[in-house]
Protein backbone atom coordinates (compact mmCIF):
# COMPACT_ATOMS: atom_id res chain seq x y z
CA MET A 1 12.49 -15.79 6.93
CA LYS A 2 14.62 -13.04 5.21
CA LYS A 3 13.81 -9.40 5.97
CA LEU A 4 13.36 -7.44 2.95
CA ILE A 5 14.96 -4.10 2.44
CA ASN A 6 12.80 -1.07 1.66
CA ALA A 7 14.90 -0.20 -1.50
CA HIS A 8 13.20 3.30 -1.56
CA ARG A 9 13.76 4.20 2.06
CA ASN A 10 16.61 6.68 1.00
CA ASP A 11 14.51 8.31 -1.74
CA ASP A 12 13.63 11.90 -1.43
CA PRO A 13 11.31 12.01 1.62
CA ASP A 14 9.20 14.89 -0.26
CA LYS A 15 8.69 12.61 -3.10
CA TYR A 16 8.56 8.93 -1.41
CA ARG A 17 5.34 9.20 0.92
CA CYS A 18 3.65 5.83 0.20
CA ILE A 19 0.90 5.39 2.79
CA GLY A 20 1.57 1.65 3.17
CA CYS A 21 5.37 1.35 3.34
CA SER A 22 7.25 4.88 3.54
CA PRO A 23 9.22 5.60 6.58
CA HIS A 24 8.73 9.41 5.68
CA ASN A 25 4.91 9.66 5.82
CA PRO A 26 3.90 10.78 9.26
CA ILE A 27 0.42 9.36 8.88
CA GLY A 28 1.41 6.27 7.24
CA ILE A 29 1.21 2.52 7.97
CA LYS A 30 4.96 2.16 7.79
CA LEU A 31 4.85 -1.61 6.90
CA GLU A 32 8.11 -3.61 6.73
CA PHE A 33 8.23 -6.92 5.00
CA TRP A 34 9.76 -10.35 5.12
CA ASP A 35 10.07 -13.23 2.40
CA ASP A 36 9.12 -16.73 3.86
CA GLY A 37 10.27 -18.32 0.66
CA GLU A 38 6.68 -18.85 -0.55
CA SER A 39 5.02 -15.58 0.25
CA ILE A 40 5.70 -11.93 1.42
CA VAL A 41 4.43 -11.43 5.04
CA SER A 42 4.24 -8.41 7.22
CA GLU A 43 3.08 -7.74 10.74
CA TRP A 44 1.53 -4.36 11.95
CA GLU A 45 -0.23 -3.27 15.09
CA PRO A 46 -3.12 -0.77 14.38
CA ASN A 47 -3.65 2.34 16.47
CA PRO A 48 -6.91 4.23 17.09
CA ASN A 49 -6.18 6.69 14.22
CA PHE A 50 -6.97 3.76 11.82
CA MET A 51 -10.53 3.18 13.25
CA GLY A 52 -13.78 2.97 11.31
CA TRP A 53 -16.18 2.10 14.09
CA VAL A 54 -15.10 2.02 17.83
CA ASP A 55 -12.04 -0.20 18.07
CA VAL A 56 -12.54 -1.63 14.48
CA LEU A 57 -10.01 -1.24 11.76
CA HIS A 58 -11.51 0.78 8.76
CA GLY A 59 -12.24 -1.38 5.80
CA GLY A 60 -10.34 0.93 3.53
CA ILE A 61 -7.23 0.52 5.72
CA GLN A 62 -7.58 -3.19 5.40
CA ALA A 63 -7.93 -2.98 1.62
CA THR A 64 -4.85 -0.91 1.78
CA LEU A 65 -2.89 -3.46 3.67
CA LEU A 66 -3.94 -6.07 1.14
CA ASP A 67 -3.04 -4.10 -1.81
CA GLU A 68 0.33 -3.12 -0.12
CA ILE A 69 1.27 -6.49 0.16
CA ALA A 70 0.54 -7.30 -3.32
CA ALA A 71 2.65 -4.64 -4.36
CA TRP A 72 5.81 -6.09 -2.48
CA VAL A 73 4.93 -9.50 -3.97
CA VAL A 74 5.15 -7.82 -7.50
CA TYR A 75 8.53 -6.23 -6.49
CA THR A 76 10.01 -9.42 -5.12
CA LYS A 77 8.48 -12.46 -6.50
CA CYS A 78 7.58 -10.85 -10.09
CA ALA A 79 10.80 -8.91 -10.33
CA THR A 80 9.25 -5.80 -11.50
CA ALA A 81 6.85 -3.10 -10.54
CA GLY A 82 3.18 -2.53 -11.43
CA VAL A 83 -0.08 -0.98 -10.62
CA THR A 84 -3.30 -2.44 -9.16
CA ALA A 85 -5.82 -3.43 -12.01
CA GLU A 86 -8.21 -5.05 -9.66
CA LEU A 87 -8.72 -5.52 -5.97
CA GLN A 88 -11.50 -7.78 -4.78
CA VAL A 89 -11.77 -7.63 -1.07
CA LYS A 90 -13.81 -10.28 1.15
CA TYR A 91 -14.34 -9.10 4.75
CA LYS A 92 -14.82 -12.12 6.77
CA LYS A 93 -14.75 -10.73 10.30
CA PRO A 94 -13.98 -7.44 12.23
CA VAL A 95 -10.43 -6.51 12.74
CA TYR A 96 -9.80 -4.84 16.12
CA THR A 97 -7.51 -1.87 16.68
CA ASN A 98 -6.94 -2.80 20.47
CA LYS A 99 -6.15 -6.63 20.21
CA GLY A 100 -2.60 -6.82 19.08
CA LYS A 101 -0.59 -7.25 15.80
CA LEU A 102 -2.12 -8.26 12.60
CA ARG A 103 -0.24 -10.60 9.92
CA ILE A 104 -0.66 -9.69 6.28
CA LYS A 105 0.37 -12.30 3.76
CA GLY A 106 0.70 -12.01 0.00
CA THR A 107 1.24 -15.14 -2.23
CA LEU A 108 1.65 -14.96 -6.18
CA ILE A 109 -0.82 -17.12 -7.77
CA GLU A 110 -0.01 -16.75 -11.48
CA GLN A 111 1.88 -14.44 -13.58
CA ASN A 112 1.88 -13.80 -17.39
CA ARG A 113 3.44 -11.30 -19.56
CA ARG A 114 1.22 -8.57 -18.39
CA LEU A 115 -0.65 -9.41 -15.39
CA ALA A 116 0.10 -10.98 -11.99
CA LEU A 117 -2.67 -12.52 -9.77
CA ILE A 118 -1.99 -12.33 -6.05
CA LYS A 119 -3.85 -13.70 -2.97
CA SER A 120 -3.48 -11.48 0.02
CA GLN A 121 -4.69 -12.30 3.30
CA LEU A 122 -5.12 -10.31 6.73
CA PHE A 123 -5.09 -12.30 9.92
CA ASP A 124 -5.70 -10.98 13.54
CA SER A 125 -3.50 -11.41 16.36
CA GLU A 126 -5.00 -15.00 17.05
CA GLY A 127 -4.36 -16.16 13.47
CA GLU A 128 -7.87 -15.97 12.27
CA LEU A 129 -8.46 -14.96 8.73
CA CYS A 130 -10.46 -11.68 8.81
CA ALA A 131 -10.20 -10.42 5.13
CA GLU A 132 -8.68 -11.69 1.86
CA ALA A 133 -8.38 -10.13 -1.47
CA ASP A 134 -7.79 -11.46 -5.10
CA VAL A 135 -5.40 -8.76 -6.55
CA LYS A 136 -4.61 -8.29 -10.02
CA TYR A 137 -1.51 -6.13 -10.90
CA PHE A 138 -0.60 -4.94 -14.25
CA VAL A 139 2.94 -5.65 -14.34
CA PHE A 140 5.51 -3.53 -16.43
CA PRO A 141 8.53 -5.03 -18.41
CA GLU A 142 11.57 -4.65 -16.05
CA LYS A 143 13.07 -1.98 -18.26
CA VAL A 144 10.10 0.08 -18.12
CA ALA A 145 9.71 -0.39 -14.49
CA ARG A 146 13.35 0.83 -13.85
CA GLU A 147 12.84 3.86 -16.43
CA LYS A 148 9.65 5.01 -15.40
CA PHE A 149 8.62 3.68 -11.93
CA TYR A 150 11.93 4.02 -9.91
CA TYR A 151 12.12 0.02 -9.72
CA PRO A 152 15.73 -0.60 -8.38
CA GLY A 153 15.76 -4.47 -9.43
CA VAL A 154 14.67 -7.36 -7.28
CA ASN A 155 18.23 -7.77 -5.81
CA ALA A 156 17.81 -4.27 -4.09
CA PHE A 157 15.17 -5.67 -1.86
CA TYR A 158 17.33 -8.57 -0.55
CA GLY A 159 20.42 -6.46 -0.04
CA GLU A 160 22.34 -8.18 -2.88
């Protein structure tokens, strides 16, 4: 697996505050990402600040994790930037905040000129699928992504 570089990490901390991946957001999730060749993956250990019910990860945080991994699929596998057009989450079983690291996986299923379809999955520390999402991203032409959405180019995420 190849560790991805957060190409935005050195951006202005007052502007780059992504709840999912910014190292500058004091209440953020601060995800890091790897490319396993087919998919983008991340591991994250939740803490009690992200509870919905006692020791259970809030469903909105689960949706955020599933959406965030999809964004990184767009950055790397689609080689552009985009915005979420649709997020359909299926919650299969509770995700606990006190039972170790979670694994998040995003896989590009299909891409055309305007849309990317991504399957995002959230696994518990025992490898059981707890939630999944079909995510549609509206993707921008690379020139637009660079000019308007601070997209640095796919190579920036791989350190090339």
